Structure formats: structure tokens, C-alpha cells
């Protein structure tokens, strides 16, 4: 099984020219014994490597999943891959790696920050990087937030319930989709359901819309009051709101929930067939 660094190198070698490959190897060698060389190399990556989309195919994705379960390269660029590769090759292990990463974060621009956050699932000593991950998940800059929250196994594996719940709520505040968050269903919990319902009621009171994705984390834990919210959506909501409510009702074991869903047979059938799913709904919003 290939290491993540080896896979990154293989993918980069397919896309960058020989001069860029030589520069990367020379920089990695120098950076192993020099913070200055590492920091300078990271800052020069975009000039030497470029910012093309990272090209990975089905076989590459399968190899990545085998090397690091949950690793998703969707949306990565060559400069991001190169920065992460440099860190993996030259950053060291344990506390030494954590110190170098934290130092890089302290002076990183937005592009560098996004790369480092996307690399979190691949870095050694994941428990040492929780502070940086939580800082990213608190960011009001949507691309920075999504670098932590979207398509990454790190929050699912490392965040405690409080950090997880605030990350999901933050996604709604910054306008980020919920469906790309790994572990959204398995990490759902009653406290998160309560928080999201409070948020929905605040939005409604202000005359503002609520994304139908919100109810994904509510349905399983819905009580009678929450079912009242879902009934309202089924009766008064637009098409997407009714679809979200139907999916949430399907997740709820209470008899009243199933009765409410049965009152909309077309939606009930779509859920049963798998034609209506949370991911499919999220992609349309």
C-alpha cells in the first residue's frame, strides 16, 4: 500500500514539468534540516508548480482510500498537493512536525492556509493539530472553513461533540453546504438537533429562509415540537423544503412522523426508492 506522500508525488509527477519536479525534490531535501528552507519552499510553490486542478482518476482515488480512509482530493490543486507533499516529506514527526506546521500557519496567506487544512487528515500526530483545525472551523471565510469541514475525515474522527456541533452550525452561518461533511449522519446527536432547531426558529422569526439540509441532523431526534416544524414545512414549504422535511420524517421512528410522511405519498415513494436522498437534495441547493 502506497503512503499518501508517495501518491501525491506520483500525481504531481504526471502534471508538472521536470524542472518543477527537480525543484520540489531539492527543496524537500534542504527543508528536512532547515526551517527556513521549508518556509521559503512553501511560499514559492505557486510560482514553481502552478495552480492547475489536481488530476486524479478512479484508480487514484481507490489508492488514496486504501492509503488513508476518507481521503478525498475533490477540488485540490497542484500547488496545494505540492505544499502538503513538502510538509509530509520534510516536516518530521511528532512534536517537531506540529511546531513546524503551527509556525507555517502563523504567517500563511489564504491559499497556504487552505492547503494546510486540507492536509490535516494526512499529517502525523493528528491530535496535535486540533487547535489549528478548530481555528479553521471557526473561520468566517467560507473557503477556509470548507477546507476543514468538507470532504475530510479529520473532524469526524477528531472533534469532540461540542466542536462538531459548532462546526455544523458554522456551516449554516457561512453558507456552506452540509452534504460534503463526512460523518454527518453518524455524528448527529440530540444536542445538535436542539441547536439547529433554535437556529431555524431564529431565522424564521427574522423572515429569513432555512436551508432544507438543516433537518438532516434533526429528524432522527425529532420530538413533538420538531415534528410540528416538519409538518409546517410539509404543508407550507416550497418544493425543496418539503423534500427536506420528507427525508427528516423518514429518519424519525415516531408513528406521527410516519403518518405525516404517508400524507405525501409521492415524496414517501421517492424516499423509499432512493430517488430522493440528502446528498441529491443538497446538490440542488
C-alpha atoms as a PDB file:
ATOM      1  CA  UNK A   1       0.000   0.000   0.000  1.00  0.00           C
ATOM      2  CA  UNK A   2       1.390   3.379  -1.037  1.00  0.00           C
ATOM      3  CA  UNK A   3       1.837   6.142   1.517  1.00  0.00           C
ATOM      4  CA  UNK A   4      -0.120   9.379   0.966  1.00  0.00           C
ATOM      5  CA  UNK A   5       3.142  11.213   0.243  1.00  0.00           C
ATOM      6  CA  UNK A   6       4.047   8.667  -2.432  1.00  0.00           C
ATOM      7  CA  UNK A   7       0.657   9.046  -4.079  1.00  0.00           C
ATOM      8  CA  UNK A   8       0.907  12.825  -4.045  1.00  0.00           C
ATOM      9  CA  UNK A   9       4.325  12.601  -5.644  1.00  0.00           C
ATOM     10  CA  UNK A  10       3.024  10.237  -8.328  1.00  0.00           C
ATOM     11  CA  UNK A  11       0.179  12.570  -9.180  1.00  0.00           C
ATOM     12  CA  UNK A  12       2.398  15.646  -9.226  1.00  0.00           C
ATOM     13  CA  UNK A  13       4.940  13.944 -11.475  1.00  0.00           C
ATOM     14  CA  UNK A  14       2.206  13.380 -14.046  1.00  0.00           C
ATOM     15  CA  UNK A  15       1.317  17.067 -14.168  1.00  0.00           C
ATOM     16  CA  UNK A  16       4.372  19.207 -13.524  1.00  0.00           C
ATOM     17  CA  UNK A  17       7.411  19.604 -15.738  1.00  0.00           C
ATOM     18  CA  UNK A  18      10.839  18.065 -14.942  1.00  0.00           C
ATOM     19  CA  UNK A  19      12.257  21.359 -13.727  1.00  0.00           C
ATOM     20  CA  UNK A  20       9.437  21.703 -11.200  1.00  0.00           C
ATOM     21  CA  UNK A  21       9.929  18.121 -10.024  1.00  0.00           C
ATOM     22  CA  UNK A  22      13.646  18.736  -9.543  1.00  0.00           C
ATOM     23  CA  UNK A  23      12.924  21.894  -7.581  1.00  0.00           C
ATOM     24  CA  UNK A  24      10.497  20.024  -5.301  1.00  0.00           C
ATOM     25  CA  UNK A  25      12.958  17.237  -4.508  1.00  0.00           C
ATOM     26  CA  UNK A  26      15.793  19.689  -3.874  1.00  0.00           C
ATOM     27  CA  UNK A  27      13.562  21.814  -1.649  1.00  0.00           C
ATOM     28  CA  UNK A  28      12.352  18.803   0.344  1.00  0.00           C
ATOM     29  CA  UNK A  29      15.922  17.642   0.927  1.00  0.00           C
ATOM     30  CA  UNK A  30      17.021  21.064   2.113  1.00  0.00           C
ATOM     31  CA  UNK A  31      13.919  21.521   4.249  1.00  0.00           C
ATOM     32  CA  UNK A  32      14.494  18.390   6.315  1.00  0.00           C
ATOM     33  CA  UNK A  33      17.206  20.173   8.234  1.00  0.00           C
ATOM     34  CA  UNK A  34      16.161  23.790   7.837  1.00  0.00           C
ATOM     35  CA  UNK A  35      13.002  25.593   8.871  1.00  0.00           C
ATOM     36  CA  UNK A  36      13.969  28.495   6.651  1.00  0.00           C
ATOM     37  CA  UNK A  37      14.247  26.240   3.602  1.00  0.00           C
ATOM     38  CA  UNK A  38      10.850  24.689   4.325  1.00  0.00           C
ATOM     39  CA  UNK A  39       9.114  28.020   4.860  1.00  0.00           C
ATOM     40  CA  UNK A  40      10.668  29.537   1.744  1.00  0.00           C
ATOM     41  CA  UNK A  41       9.802  26.469  -0.325  1.00  0.00           C
ATOM     42  CA  UNK A  42       6.181  26.501   0.775  1.00  0.00           C
ATOM     43  CA  UNK A  43       5.886  30.183  -0.118  1.00  0.00           C
ATOM     44  CA  UNK A  44       7.344  29.620  -3.610  1.00  0.00           C
ATOM     45  CA  UNK A  45       5.253  26.601  -4.574  1.00  0.00           C
ATOM     46  CA  UNK A  46       2.618  28.521  -6.526  1.00  0.00           C
ATOM     47  CA  UNK A  47       5.294  30.119  -8.700  1.00  0.00           C
ATOM     48  CA  UNK A  48       7.259  26.950  -9.349  1.00  0.00           C
ATOM     49  CA  UNK A  49       4.410  24.427  -9.593  1.00  0.00           C
ATOM     50  CA  UNK A  50       1.369  26.365 -10.777  1.00  0.00           C
ATOM     51  CA  UNK A  51      -2.249  26.163  -9.685  1.00  0.00           C
ATOM     52  CA  UNK A  52      -3.790  23.677 -12.098  1.00  0.00           C
ATOM     53  CA  UNK A  53      -6.506  21.350 -10.882  1.00  0.00           C
ATOM     54  CA  UNK A  54      -5.022  18.157  -9.497  1.00  0.00           C
ATOM     55  CA  UNK A  55      -5.883  15.388 -11.931  1.00  0.00           C
ATOM     56  CA  UNK A  56      -6.871  12.135 -10.239  1.00  0.00           C
ATOM     57  CA  UNK A  57      -8.842   9.265 -11.718  1.00  0.00           C
ATOM     58  CA  UNK A  58     -10.849   6.375 -10.246  1.00  0.00           C
ATOM     59  CA  UNK A  59      -7.739   4.238  -9.701  1.00  0.00           C
ATOM     60  CA  UNK A  60      -6.007   7.118  -7.939  1.00  0.00           C
ATOM     61  CA  UNK A  61      -8.993   7.660  -5.671  1.00  0.00           C
ATOM     62  CA  UNK A  62      -9.111   3.966  -4.825  1.00  0.00           C
ATOM     63  CA  UNK A  63      -5.411   4.020  -3.939  1.00  0.00           C
ATOM     64  CA  UNK A  64      -5.957   7.117  -1.808  1.00  0.00           C
ATOM     65  CA  UNK A  65      -8.828   5.485   0.062  1.00  0.00           C
ATOM     66  CA  UNK A  66      -6.628   2.455   0.762  1.00  0.00           C
ATOM     67  CA  UNK A  67      -3.776   4.665   1.961  1.00  0.00           C
ATOM     68  CA  UNK A  68      -5.943   6.905   4.123  1.00  0.00           C
ATOM     69  CA  UNK A  69      -9.669   6.059   4.524  1.00  0.00           C
ATOM     70  CA  UNK A  70     -11.815   9.100   3.849  1.00  0.00           C
ATOM     71  CA  UNK A  71      -9.134  10.988   1.922  1.00  0.00           C
ATOM     72  CA  UNK A  72     -10.949  12.962  -0.790  1.00  0.00           C
ATOM     73  CA  UNK A  73      -8.991  15.116  -3.251  1.00  0.00           C
ATOM     74  CA  UNK A  74     -12.037  16.780  -4.834  1.00  0.00           C
ATOM     75  CA  UNK A  75     -11.196  20.409  -5.567  1.00  0.00           C
ATOM     76  CA  UNK A  76      -7.468  20.072  -4.879  1.00  0.00           C
ATOM     77  CA  UNK A  77      -4.914  21.937  -6.995  1.00  0.00           C
ATOM     78  CA  UNK A  78      -1.308  21.118  -7.812  1.00  0.00           C
ATOM     79  CA  UNK A  79       0.063  23.837  -5.547  1.00  0.00           C
ATOM     80  CA  UNK A  80      -1.984  22.507  -2.615  1.00  0.00           C
ATOM     81  CA  UNK A  81      -0.765  18.959  -3.283  1.00  0.00           C
ATOM     82  CA  UNK A  82       2.840  20.181  -3.518  1.00  0.00           C
ATOM     83  CA  UNK A  83       2.672  22.114  -0.234  1.00  0.00           C
ATOM     84  CA  UNK A  84       1.215  19.094   1.554  1.00  0.00           C
ATOM     85  CA  UNK A  85       3.830  16.816  -0.039  1.00  0.00           C
ATOM     86  CA  UNK A  86       6.645  19.106   1.120  1.00  0.00           C
ATOM     87  CA  UNK A  87       5.348  19.001   4.667  1.00  0.00           C
ATOM     88  CA  UNK A  88       4.978  15.224   4.644  1.00  0.00           C
ATOM     89  CA  UNK A  89       8.451  14.761   3.194  1.00  0.00           C
ATOM     90  CA  UNK A  90      10.322  17.360   5.216  1.00  0.00           C
ATOM     91  CA  UNK A  91       8.229  18.222   8.241  1.00  0.00           C
ATOM     92  CA  UNK A  92       9.404  15.486  10.576  1.00  0.00           C
ATOM     93  CA  UNK A  93       7.196  13.631  13.060  1.00  0.00           C
ATOM     94  CA  UNK A  94       5.606  14.167  16.450  1.00  0.00           C
ATOM     95  CA  UNK A  95       6.124  17.481  18.184  1.00  0.00           C
ATOM     96  CA  UNK A  96       8.696  18.620  15.627  1.00  0.00           C
ATOM     97  CA  UNK A  97       6.132  18.356  12.837  1.00  0.00           C
ATOM     98  CA  UNK A  98       3.444  20.061  14.922  1.00  0.00           C
ATOM     99  CA  UNK A  99       5.728  23.001  15.713  1.00  0.00           C
ATOM    100  CA  UNK A 100       6.685  23.492  12.069  1.00  0.00           C
ATOM    101  CA  UNK A 101       3.064  23.305  10.964  1.00  0.00           C
ATOM    102  CA  UNK A 102       1.951  25.801  13.605  1.00  0.00           C
ATOM    103  CA  UNK A 103       4.742  28.175  12.600  1.00  0.00           C
ATOM    104  CA  UNK A 104       3.707  27.947   8.964  1.00  0.00           C
ATOM    105  CA  UNK A 105       0.094  28.662   9.921  1.00  0.00           C
ATOM    106  CA  UNK A 106       1.088  31.781  11.822  1.00  0.00           C
ATOM    107  CA  UNK A 107       2.278  33.519   8.653  1.00  0.00           C
ATOM    108  CA  UNK A 108       0.266  31.701   5.965  1.00  0.00           C
ATOM    109  CA  UNK A 109      -1.760  33.501   3.345  1.00  0.00           C
ATOM    110  CA  UNK A 110      -5.235  32.240   2.489  1.00  0.00           C
ATOM    111  CA  UNK A 111      -4.064  29.818  -0.208  1.00  0.00           C
ATOM    112  CA  UNK A 112      -1.443  28.303   2.074  1.00  0.00           C
ATOM    113  CA  UNK A 113      -3.916  28.041   4.955  1.00  0.00           C
ATOM    114  CA  UNK A 114      -6.378  26.148   2.773  1.00  0.00           C
ATOM    115  CA  UNK A 115      -3.653  23.718   1.695  1.00  0.00           C
ATOM    116  CA  UNK A 116      -2.528  23.039   5.264  1.00  0.00           C
ATOM    117  CA  UNK A 117      -6.103  22.484   6.440  1.00  0.00           C
ATOM    118  CA  UNK A 118      -6.821  20.105   3.576  1.00  0.00           C
ATOM    119  CA  UNK A 119      -3.716  18.179   4.557  1.00  0.00           C
ATOM    120  CA  UNK A 120      -4.849  17.610   8.156  1.00  0.00           C
ATOM    121  CA  UNK A 121      -6.040  14.023   7.587  1.00  0.00           C
ATOM    122  CA  UNK A 122      -2.603  13.111   6.205  1.00  0.00           C
ATOM    123  CA  UNK A 123      -0.349  14.714   8.788  1.00  0.00           C
ATOM    124  CA  UNK A 124       1.315  12.702  11.584  1.00  0.00           C
ATOM    125  CA  UNK A 125       0.122  13.143  15.158  1.00  0.00           C
ATOM    126  CA  UNK A 126      -3.443  14.269  14.305  1.00  0.00           C
ATOM    127  CA  UNK A 127      -4.258  15.010  17.947  1.00  0.00           C
ATOM    128  CA  UNK A 128      -1.540  17.675  17.947  1.00  0.00           C
ATOM    129  CA  UNK A 129      -3.322  19.723  15.279  1.00  0.00           C
ATOM    130  CA  UNK A 130      -6.744  20.078  16.914  1.00  0.00           C
ATOM    131  CA  UNK A 131      -6.229  23.746  17.762  1.00  0.00           C
ATOM    132  CA  UNK A 132      -5.448  24.591  14.131  1.00  0.00           C
ATOM    133  CA  UNK A 133      -8.383  22.542  12.878  1.00  0.00           C
ATOM    134  CA  UNK A 134     -10.790  24.222  15.263  1.00  0.00           C
ATOM    135  CA  UNK A 135      -9.467  27.654  14.297  1.00  0.00           C
ATOM    136  CA  UNK A 136     -10.158  26.813  10.669  1.00  0.00           C
ATOM    137  CA  UNK A 137     -13.646  25.585  11.529  1.00  0.00           C
ATOM    138  CA  UNK A 138     -14.361  28.919  13.244  1.00  0.00           C
ATOM    139  CA  UNK A 139     -13.297  30.970  10.235  1.00  0.00           C
ATOM    140  CA  UNK A 140     -15.798  33.336   8.651  1.00  0.00           C
ATOM    141  CA  UNK A 141     -14.017  32.834   5.324  1.00  0.00           C
ATOM    142  CA  UNK A 142     -16.008  30.135   3.576  1.00  0.00           C
ATOM    143  CA  UNK A 143     -13.098  28.595   1.590  1.00  0.00           C
ATOM    144  CA  UNK A 144     -11.028  28.311   4.774  1.00  0.00           C
ATOM    145  CA  UNK A 145     -13.928  26.805   6.702  1.00  0.00           C
ATOM    146  CA  UNK A 146     -14.660  24.319   3.931  1.00  0.00           C
ATOM    147  CA  UNK A 147     -11.007  23.233   3.838  1.00  0.00           C
ATOM    148  CA  UNK A 148     -11.598  21.757   7.304  1.00  0.00           C
ATOM    149  CA  UNK A 149     -15.258  20.784   7.147  1.00  0.00           C
ATOM    150  CA  UNK A 150     -15.748  19.467   3.625  1.00  0.00           C
ATOM    151  CA  UNK A 151     -14.624  16.083   2.320  1.00  0.00           C
ATOM    152  CA  UNK A 152     -12.289  15.474   5.223  1.00  0.00           C
ATOM    153  CA  UNK A 153     -12.314  12.644   7.765  1.00  0.00           C
ATOM    154  CA  UNK A 154     -10.441  14.776  10.297  1.00  0.00           C
ATOM    155  CA  UNK A 155     -13.418  16.468  12.055  1.00  0.00           C
ATOM    156  CA  UNK A 156     -15.407  13.230  12.104  1.00  0.00           C
ATOM    157  CA  UNK A 157     -12.536  11.417  13.785  1.00  0.00           C
ATOM    158  CA  UNK A 158     -11.009  14.118  15.987  1.00  0.00           C
ATOM    159  CA  UNK A 159     -13.629  16.692  17.042  1.00  0.00           C
ATOM    160  CA  UNK A 160     -15.481  16.210  20.309  1.00  0.00           C
ATOM    161  CA  UNK A 161     -19.236  16.704  20.311  1.00  0.00           C
ATOM    162  CA  UNK A 162     -19.070  20.389  21.166  1.00  0.00           C
ATOM    163  CA  UNK A 163     -16.584  21.177  18.389  1.00  0.00           C
ATOM    164  CA  UNK A 164     -18.527  19.032  15.945  1.00  0.00           C
ATOM    165  CA  UNK A 165     -21.852  20.696  16.711  1.00  0.00           C
ATOM    166  CA  UNK A 166     -20.403  24.183  16.381  1.00  0.00           C
ATOM    167  CA  UNK A 167     -18.793  23.246  13.060  1.00  0.00           C
ATOM    168  CA  UNK A 168     -22.136  22.113  11.633  1.00  0.00           C
ATOM    169  CA  UNK A 169     -23.830  25.287  12.887  1.00  0.00           C
ATOM    170  CA  UNK A 170     -20.993  27.392  11.474  1.00  0.00           C
ATOM    171  CA  UNK A 171     -21.558  25.815   8.075  1.00  0.00           C
ATOM    172  CA  UNK A 172     -25.042  27.321   8.065  1.00  0.00           C
ATOM    173  CA  UNK A 173     -23.726  30.736   9.152  1.00  0.00           C
ATOM    174  CA  UNK A 174     -21.156  30.928   6.340  1.00  0.00           C
ATOM    175  CA  UNK A 175     -23.477  29.442   3.703  1.00  0.00           C
ATOM    176  CA  UNK A 176     -21.572  26.175   3.285  1.00  0.00           C
ATOM    177  CA  UNK A 177     -23.373  23.016   2.232  1.00  0.00           C
ATOM    178  CA  UNK A 178     -23.789  20.217   4.754  1.00  0.00           C
ATOM    179  CA  UNK A 179     -23.746  17.229   2.411  1.00  0.00           C
ATOM    180  CA  UNK A 180     -19.930  17.246   1.835  1.00  0.00           C
ATOM    181  CA  UNK A 181     -19.287  16.917   5.597  1.00  0.00           C
ATOM    182  CA  UNK A 182     -18.074  13.389   6.253  1.00  0.00           C
ATOM    183  CA  UNK A 183     -19.784  11.600   9.137  1.00  0.00           C
ATOM    184  CA  UNK A 184     -22.754  13.964   9.260  1.00  0.00           C
ATOM    185  CA  UNK A 185     -25.220  11.173   9.997  1.00  0.00           C
ATOM    186  CA  UNK A 186     -23.058   9.114  12.350  1.00  0.00           C
ATOM    187  CA  UNK A 187     -22.094  12.173  14.428  1.00  0.00           C
ATOM    188  CA  UNK A 188     -25.646  13.552  14.654  1.00  0.00           C
ATOM    189  CA  UNK A 189     -26.774  13.949  18.258  1.00  0.00           C
ATOM    190  CA  UNK A 190     -29.723  15.319  20.262  1.00  0.00           C
ATOM    191  CA  UNK A 191     -27.883  18.485  21.316  1.00  0.00           C
ATOM    192  CA  UNK A 192     -27.077  19.318  17.702  1.00  0.00           C
ATOM    193  CA  UNK A 193     -30.720  18.779  16.776  1.00  0.00           C
ATOM    194  CA  UNK A 194     -31.755  21.233  19.505  1.00  0.00           C
ATOM    195  CA  UNK A 195     -29.185  23.826  18.403  1.00  0.00           C
ATOM    196  CA  UNK A 196     -30.278  23.614  14.783  1.00  0.00           C
ATOM    197  CA  UNK A 197     -33.956  23.926  15.625  1.00  0.00           C
ATOM    198  CA  UNK A 198     -33.199  27.051  17.686  1.00  0.00           C
ATOM    199  CA  UNK A 199     -31.287  28.438  14.706  1.00  0.00           C
ATOM    200  CA  UNK A 200     -34.188  27.668  12.366  1.00  0.00           C
ATOM    201  CA  UNK A 201     -36.652  29.447  14.634  1.00  0.00           C
ATOM    202  CA  UNK A 202     -34.389  32.497  14.832  1.00  0.00           C
ATOM    203  CA  UNK A 203     -34.229  32.602  11.033  1.00  0.00           C
ATOM    204  CA  UNK A 204     -37.974  32.243  10.667  1.00  0.00           C
ATOM    205  CA  UNK A 205     -38.612  34.962  13.257  1.00  0.00           C
ATOM    206  CA  UNK A 206     -36.403  37.287  11.203  1.00  0.00           C
ATOM    207  CA  UNK A 207     -38.218  36.376   7.995  1.00  0.00           C
ATOM    208  CA  UNK A 208     -35.171  34.598   6.583  1.00  0.00           C
ATOM    209  CA  UNK A 209     -35.006  31.214   4.831  1.00  0.00           C
ATOM    210  CA  UNK A 210     -33.691  27.999   6.354  1.00  0.00           C
ATOM    211  CA  UNK A 211     -31.760  25.529   4.228  1.00  0.00           C
ATOM    212  CA  UNK A 212     -33.624  22.205   3.939  1.00  0.00           C
ATOM    213  CA  UNK A 213     -30.343  20.434   4.758  1.00  0.00           C
ATOM    214  CA  UNK A 214     -30.667  21.565   8.372  1.00  0.00           C
ATOM    215  CA  UNK A 215     -33.330  18.940   9.055  1.00  0.00           C
ATOM    216  CA  UNK A 216     -30.944  16.119   8.212  1.00  0.00           C
ATOM    217  CA  UNK A 217     -29.493  16.397  11.706  1.00  0.00           C
ATOM    218  CA  UNK A 218     -32.910  16.771  13.349  1.00  0.00           C
ATOM    219  CA  UNK A 219     -35.180  14.030  12.003  1.00  0.00           C
ATOM    220  CA  UNK A 220     -33.744  11.117  13.968  1.00  0.00           C
ATOM    221  CA  UNK A 221     -34.113  13.025  17.249  1.00  0.00           C
ATOM    222  CA  UNK A 222     -37.372  14.829  16.492  1.00  0.00           C
ATOM    223  CA  UNK A 223     -39.795  15.278  19.364  1.00  0.00           C
ATOM    224  CA  UNK A 224     -43.386  16.522  19.078  1.00  0.00           C
ATOM    225  CA  UNK A 225     -42.279  20.153  18.727  1.00  0.00           C
ATOM    226  CA  UNK A 226     -39.811  19.292  15.985  1.00  0.00           C
ATOM    227  CA  UNK A 227     -42.490  17.276  14.219  1.00  0.00           C
ATOM    228  CA  UNK A 228     -44.617  20.412  14.321  1.00  0.00           C
ATOM    229  CA  UNK A 229     -41.877  22.236  12.427  1.00  0.00           C
ATOM    230  CA  UNK A 230     -41.674  19.452   9.854  1.00  0.00           C
ATOM    231  CA  UNK A 231     -45.455  19.362   9.478  1.00  0.00           C
ATOM    232  CA  UNK A 232     -45.427  23.084   8.795  1.00  0.00           C
ATOM    233  CA  UNK A 233     -42.824  22.577   6.075  1.00  0.00           C
ATOM    234  CA  UNK A 234     -44.767  19.732   4.513  1.00  0.00           C
ATOM    235  CA  UNK A 235     -47.872  21.931   4.362  1.00  0.00           C
ATOM    236  CA  UNK A 236     -46.413  25.359   3.558  1.00  0.00           C
ATOM    237  CA  UNK A 237     -42.885  24.854   2.275  1.00  0.00           C
ATOM    238  CA  UNK A 238     -41.591  25.099  -1.265  1.00  0.00           C
ATOM    239  CA  UNK A 239     -40.530  22.016  -3.204  1.00  0.00           C
ATOM    240  CA  UNK A 240     -37.053  21.742  -1.677  1.00  0.00           C
ATOM    241  CA  UNK A 241     -38.299  22.422   1.854  1.00  0.00           C
ATOM    242  CA  UNK A 242     -40.913  19.684   1.511  1.00  0.00           C
ATOM    243  CA  UNK A 243     -38.236  17.289   0.248  1.00  0.00           C
ATOM    244  CA  UNK A 244     -36.028  18.047   3.243  1.00  0.00           C
ATOM    245  CA  UNK A 245     -38.954  17.594   5.610  1.00  0.00           C
ATOM    246  CA  UNK A 246     -39.860  14.278   3.978  1.00  0.00           C
ATOM    247  CA  UNK A 247     -36.323  12.965   4.368  1.00  0.00           C
ATOM    248  CA  UNK A 248     -36.262  14.043   8.016  1.00  0.00           C
ATOM    249  CA  UNK A 249     -39.603  12.376   8.679  1.00  0.00           C
ATOM    250  CA  UNK A 250     -38.331   9.177   7.089  1.00  0.00           C
ATOM    251  CA  UNK A 251     -35.443   9.217   9.611  1.00  0.00           C
ATOM    252  CA  UNK A 252     -37.775   9.612  12.582  1.00  0.00           C
ATOM    253  CA  UNK A 253     -39.110   6.437  14.257  1.00  0.00           C
ATOM    254  CA  UNK A 254     -42.151   8.101  15.837  1.00  0.00           C
ATOM    255  CA  UNK A 255     -45.552   6.965  14.479  1.00  0.00           C
ATOM    256  CA  UNK A 256     -46.663  10.561  13.939  1.00  0.00           C
ATOM    257  CA  UNK A 257     -43.655  11.151  11.693  1.00  0.00           C
ATOM    258  CA  UNK A 258     -44.541   8.200   9.533  1.00  0.00           C
ATOM    259  CA  UNK A 259     -48.154   9.361   9.358  1.00  0.00           C
ATOM    260  CA  UNK A 260     -47.065  12.814   8.213  1.00  0.00           C
ATOM    261  CA  UNK A 261     -44.856  11.280   5.545  1.00  0.00           C
ATOM    262  CA  UNK A 262     -47.626   8.950   4.389  1.00  0.00           C
ATOM    263  CA  UNK A 263     -49.798  12.018   3.780  1.00  0.00           C
ATOM    264  CA  UNK A 264     -47.402  12.907   0.926  1.00  0.00           C
ATOM    265  CA  UNK A 265     -47.289   9.596  -0.998  1.00  0.00           C
ATOM    266  CA  UNK A 266     -45.198  10.950  -3.890  1.00  0.00           C
ATOM    267  CA  UNK A 267     -42.443  12.066  -1.556  1.00  0.00           C
ATOM    268  CA  UNK A 268     -42.724   8.913   0.530  1.00  0.00           C
ATOM    269  CA  UNK A 269     -42.295   6.811  -2.597  1.00  0.00           C
ATOM    270  CA  UNK A 270     -39.324   8.881  -3.782  1.00  0.00           C
ATOM    271  CA  UNK A 271     -37.593   8.362  -0.448  1.00  0.00           C
ATOM    272  CA  UNK A 272     -38.357   4.637  -0.455  1.00  0.00           C
ATOM    273  CA  UNK A 273     -36.970   4.207  -3.987  1.00  0.00           C
ATOM    274  CA  UNK A 274     -33.818   6.155  -3.169  1.00  0.00           C
ATOM    275  CA  UNK A 275     -34.675   8.797  -5.745  1.00  0.00           C
ATOM    276  CA  UNK A 276     -34.745  11.428  -3.011  1.00  0.00           C
ATOM    277  CA  UNK A 277     -31.634  11.489  -0.822  1.00  0.00           C
ATOM    278  CA  UNK A 278     -29.894  14.066   1.357  1.00  0.00           C
ATOM    279  CA  UNK A 279     -26.906  14.254  -0.937  1.00  0.00           C
ATOM    280  CA  UNK A 280     -29.055  14.631  -4.002  1.00  0.00           C
ATOM    281  CA  UNK A 281     -31.110  17.352  -2.336  1.00  0.00           C
ATOM    282  CA  UNK A 282     -28.005  19.150  -1.101  1.00  0.00           C
ATOM    283  CA  UNK A 283     -26.519  19.252  -4.566  1.00  0.00           C
ATOM    284  CA  UNK A 284     -29.592  21.091  -5.874  1.00  0.00           C
ATOM    285  CA  UNK A 285     -29.499  23.910  -3.303  1.00  0.00           C
END
